[in-house]
């Protein structure tokens, strides 16, 4: 699958962050002096994009609101914005579910859940699994998906013991 250069860069940046195990999708570095970095992953990413192209990408992504530059401990940090994280989620879904079958009836699956704070780790795990199934966040606890993964979601909720806190809907778009 071929991606536009901006999506490819965001995807590569995301993979670097995952390798460095950054939980909040943040990684401080001096983006202009990337040669000085000791991280082999960042050096590899820097080599992949020529200096001029790299600078243009950074400027473009800032203009689009996908990243921002922040001063952290006298260094500049490249930080993904919420809009950038959503974009990466969409790119990730392209890679993970390129051939997943959409529902034949054209309906989408909507999952709404209210899992208590006591079960935070379970709630986070459930969200991660929804992302793996190809769901997109509609609101914090409402997720939608065009793929035929109804049985998988039902089984997941049953296995986690949260079926009473999860509601699954089939929705369809109506013209106004």
Protein backbone atom coordinates (compact mmCIF):
# COMPACT_ATOMS: atom_id res chain seq x y z
CA UNK A 1 0.00 0.00 0.00
CA UNK A 2 1.35 3.37 -0.99
CA UNK A 3 0.84 6.36 1.29
CA UNK A 4 1.30 10.10 0.63
CA UNK A 5 4.62 11.39 1.99
CA UNK A 6 2.97 13.18 4.95
CA UNK A 7 1.10 10.05 6.03
CA UNK A 8 4.24 7.96 5.53
CA UNK A 9 6.21 10.36 7.73
CA UNK A 10 3.55 10.31 10.47
CA UNK A 11 3.46 6.52 10.30
CA UNK A 12 7.27 6.31 10.54
CA UNK A 13 7.28 8.81 13.41
CA UNK A 14 4.64 6.77 15.21
CA UNK A 15 6.70 3.59 14.75
CA UNK A 16 9.78 5.33 16.18
CA UNK A 17 7.73 6.40 19.20
CA UNK A 18 6.41 2.88 19.68
CA UNK A 19 9.94 1.48 19.55
CA UNK A 20 10.96 3.97 22.19
CA UNK A 21 7.87 2.97 24.20
CA UNK A 22 6.51 6.48 24.68
CA UNK A 23 3.07 6.13 26.27
CA UNK A 24 1.80 9.62 25.48
CA UNK A 25 3.12 9.83 21.92
CA UNK A 26 5.67 12.45 22.89
CA UNK A 27 9.36 12.43 22.21
CA UNK A 28 11.62 15.39 22.87
CA UNK A 29 14.46 16.00 20.48
CA UNK A 30 16.09 18.85 18.61
CA UNK A 31 14.61 18.33 15.20
CA UNK A 32 17.23 20.55 13.51
CA UNK A 33 20.17 18.77 15.07
CA UNK A 34 18.93 15.26 14.58
CA UNK A 35 22.43 14.11 13.55
CA UNK A 36 23.55 14.61 17.16
CA UNK A 37 20.87 12.29 18.48
CA UNK A 38 22.08 9.03 19.98
CA UNK A 39 18.87 7.17 19.10
CA UNK A 40 19.48 4.80 16.17
CA UNK A 41 15.76 4.85 15.34
CA UNK A 42 15.75 8.63 15.00
CA UNK A 43 18.95 8.58 12.97
CA UNK A 44 17.39 6.05 10.63
CA UNK A 45 14.26 8.20 10.30
CA UNK A 46 16.42 11.28 9.64
CA UNK A 47 18.35 9.48 6.91
CA UNK A 48 15.11 8.36 5.32
CA UNK A 49 14.03 11.94 4.78
CA UNK A 50 16.52 14.38 3.31
CA UNK A 51 17.17 17.48 5.41
CA UNK A 52 15.23 19.86 3.18
CA UNK A 53 12.34 17.45 2.76
CA UNK A 54 12.35 16.85 6.51
CA UNK A 55 12.10 20.58 7.26
CA UNK A 56 9.28 20.99 4.75
CA UNK A 57 7.41 18.06 6.27
CA UNK A 58 7.72 19.49 9.77
CA UNK A 59 6.44 22.89 8.59
CA UNK A 60 3.57 21.33 6.66
CA UNK A 61 2.49 19.11 9.57
CA UNK A 62 2.60 22.11 11.92
CA UNK A 63 0.41 24.15 9.53
CA UNK A 64 -2.09 21.29 9.29
CA UNK A 65 -2.24 21.07 13.11
CA UNK A 66 -0.95 17.48 13.26
CA UNK A 67 2.15 18.28 15.33
CA UNK A 68 3.47 21.14 17.40
CA UNK A 69 6.89 22.16 18.62
CA UNK A 70 7.30 22.75 22.33
CA UNK A 71 10.21 23.82 24.51
CA UNK A 72 11.07 21.11 27.04
CA UNK A 73 14.12 21.46 29.26
CA UNK A 74 15.81 23.91 26.87
CA UNK A 75 15.24 21.59 23.90
CA UNK A 76 12.61 21.55 21.24
CA UNK A 77 10.16 18.67 21.25
CA UNK A 78 8.01 17.36 18.45
CA UNK A 79 4.58 16.52 19.91
CA UNK A 80 1.61 14.96 18.18
CA UNK A 81 -1.61 16.89 18.62
CA UNK A 82 -4.93 15.09 19.16
CA UNK A 83 -5.63 15.70 15.45
CA UNK A 84 -2.27 14.06 14.63
CA UNK A 85 -3.06 11.07 16.82
CA UNK A 86 -6.40 10.61 15.03
CA UNK A 87 -4.62 10.78 11.68
CA UNK A 88 -2.14 8.11 12.81
CA UNK A 89 -5.03 5.96 14.00
CA UNK A 90 -6.56 6.14 10.53
CA UNK A 91 -3.22 5.31 8.91
CA UNK A 92 -2.72 2.43 11.35
CA UNK A 93 -6.14 1.05 10.44
CA UNK A 94 -5.14 1.12 6.77
CA UNK A 95 -2.16 -1.08 7.59
CA UNK A 96 -3.88 -3.41 10.04
CA UNK A 97 -7.20 -3.82 8.23
CA UNK A 98 -6.52 -3.23 4.53
CA UNK A 99 -8.79 -6.06 3.40
CA UNK A 100 -11.29 -6.23 6.26
CA UNK A 101 -14.78 -6.73 4.89
CA UNK A 102 -17.30 -3.97 5.34
CA UNK A 103 -20.80 -5.00 6.29
CA UNK A 104 -22.87 -6.04 3.27
CA UNK A 105 -25.93 -4.15 4.50
CA UNK A 106 -23.94 -0.88 4.69
CA UNK A 107 -24.68 -0.47 8.39
CA UNK A 108 -22.03 0.48 10.91
CA UNK A 109 -21.49 -1.02 14.34
CA UNK A 110 -21.61 1.43 17.22
CA UNK A 111 -20.32 0.42 20.63
CA UNK A 112 -21.23 2.53 23.65
CA UNK A 113 -19.84 1.63 27.04
CA UNK A 114 -19.73 2.90 30.59
CA UNK A 115 -17.03 0.96 32.39
CA UNK A 116 -16.38 2.29 35.90
CA UNK A 117 -13.16 3.92 37.01
CA UNK A 118 -12.47 0.92 39.26
CA UNK A 119 -12.01 -1.11 36.08
CA UNK A 120 -9.78 1.42 34.33
CA UNK A 121 -7.25 -1.13 33.03
CA UNK A 122 -10.08 -3.29 31.69
CA UNK A 123 -11.64 -0.23 30.03
CA UNK A 124 -8.31 0.71 28.42
CA UNK A 125 -7.81 -2.84 27.20
CA UNK A 126 -11.32 -2.85 25.71
CA UNK A 127 -10.55 0.41 23.86
CA UNK A 128 -7.30 -1.05 22.51
CA UNK A 129 -9.16 -4.10 21.21
CA UNK A 130 -11.79 -1.87 19.56
CA UNK A 131 -8.99 -0.07 17.73
CA UNK A 132 -7.58 -3.43 16.61
CA UNK A 133 -11.02 -4.37 15.25
CA UNK A 134 -11.01 -1.16 13.18
CA UNK A 135 -13.20 1.08 15.31
CA UNK A 136 -12.87 4.86 15.27
CA UNK A 137 -13.59 7.02 18.29
CA UNK A 138 -16.83 8.97 17.90
CA UNK A 139 -16.79 10.19 21.50
CA UNK A 140 -14.78 9.04 24.51
CA UNK A 141 -16.94 5.98 25.15
CA UNK A 142 -18.72 5.70 21.79
CA UNK A 143 -16.91 3.96 18.95
CA UNK A 144 -18.02 3.21 15.39
CA UNK A 145 -16.86 0.75 12.76
CA UNK A 146 -17.95 -0.14 9.20
CA UNK A 147 -16.47 -3.66 9.38
CA UNK A 148 -18.32 -6.87 10.12
CA UNK A 149 -16.86 -7.50 13.59
CA UNK A 150 -20.08 -7.77 15.60
CA UNK A 151 -19.40 -11.31 16.85
CA UNK A 152 -15.84 -10.43 17.86
CA UNK A 153 -17.02 -7.47 19.96
CA UNK A 154 -19.76 -9.52 21.62
CA UNK A 155 -17.28 -12.27 22.45
CA UNK A 156 -14.75 -9.78 23.80
CA UNK A 157 -17.34 -8.16 26.09
CA UNK A 158 -18.46 -11.61 27.32
CA UNK A 159 -14.88 -12.77 27.95
CA UNK A 160 -14.05 -9.61 29.88
CA UNK A 161 -17.26 -9.83 31.91
CA UNK A 162 -18.42 -6.36 30.91
CA UNK A 163 -21.43 -7.27 28.77
CA UNK A 164 -23.77 -5.34 31.13
CA UNK A 165 -21.71 -2.16 30.68
CA UNK A 166 -21.48 -2.41 26.88
CA UNK A 167 -24.22 -1.67 24.34
CA UNK A 168 -23.84 -2.58 20.69
CA UNK A 169 -25.94 -0.92 17.99
CA UNK A 170 -26.27 -1.35 14.25
CA UNK A 171 -26.64 2.06 12.67
CA UNK A 172 -27.29 3.25 9.17
CA UNK A 173 -27.03 6.64 7.56
CA UNK A 174 -30.27 8.33 6.56
CA UNK A 175 -30.56 11.15 4.07
CA UNK A 176 -32.16 14.30 5.41
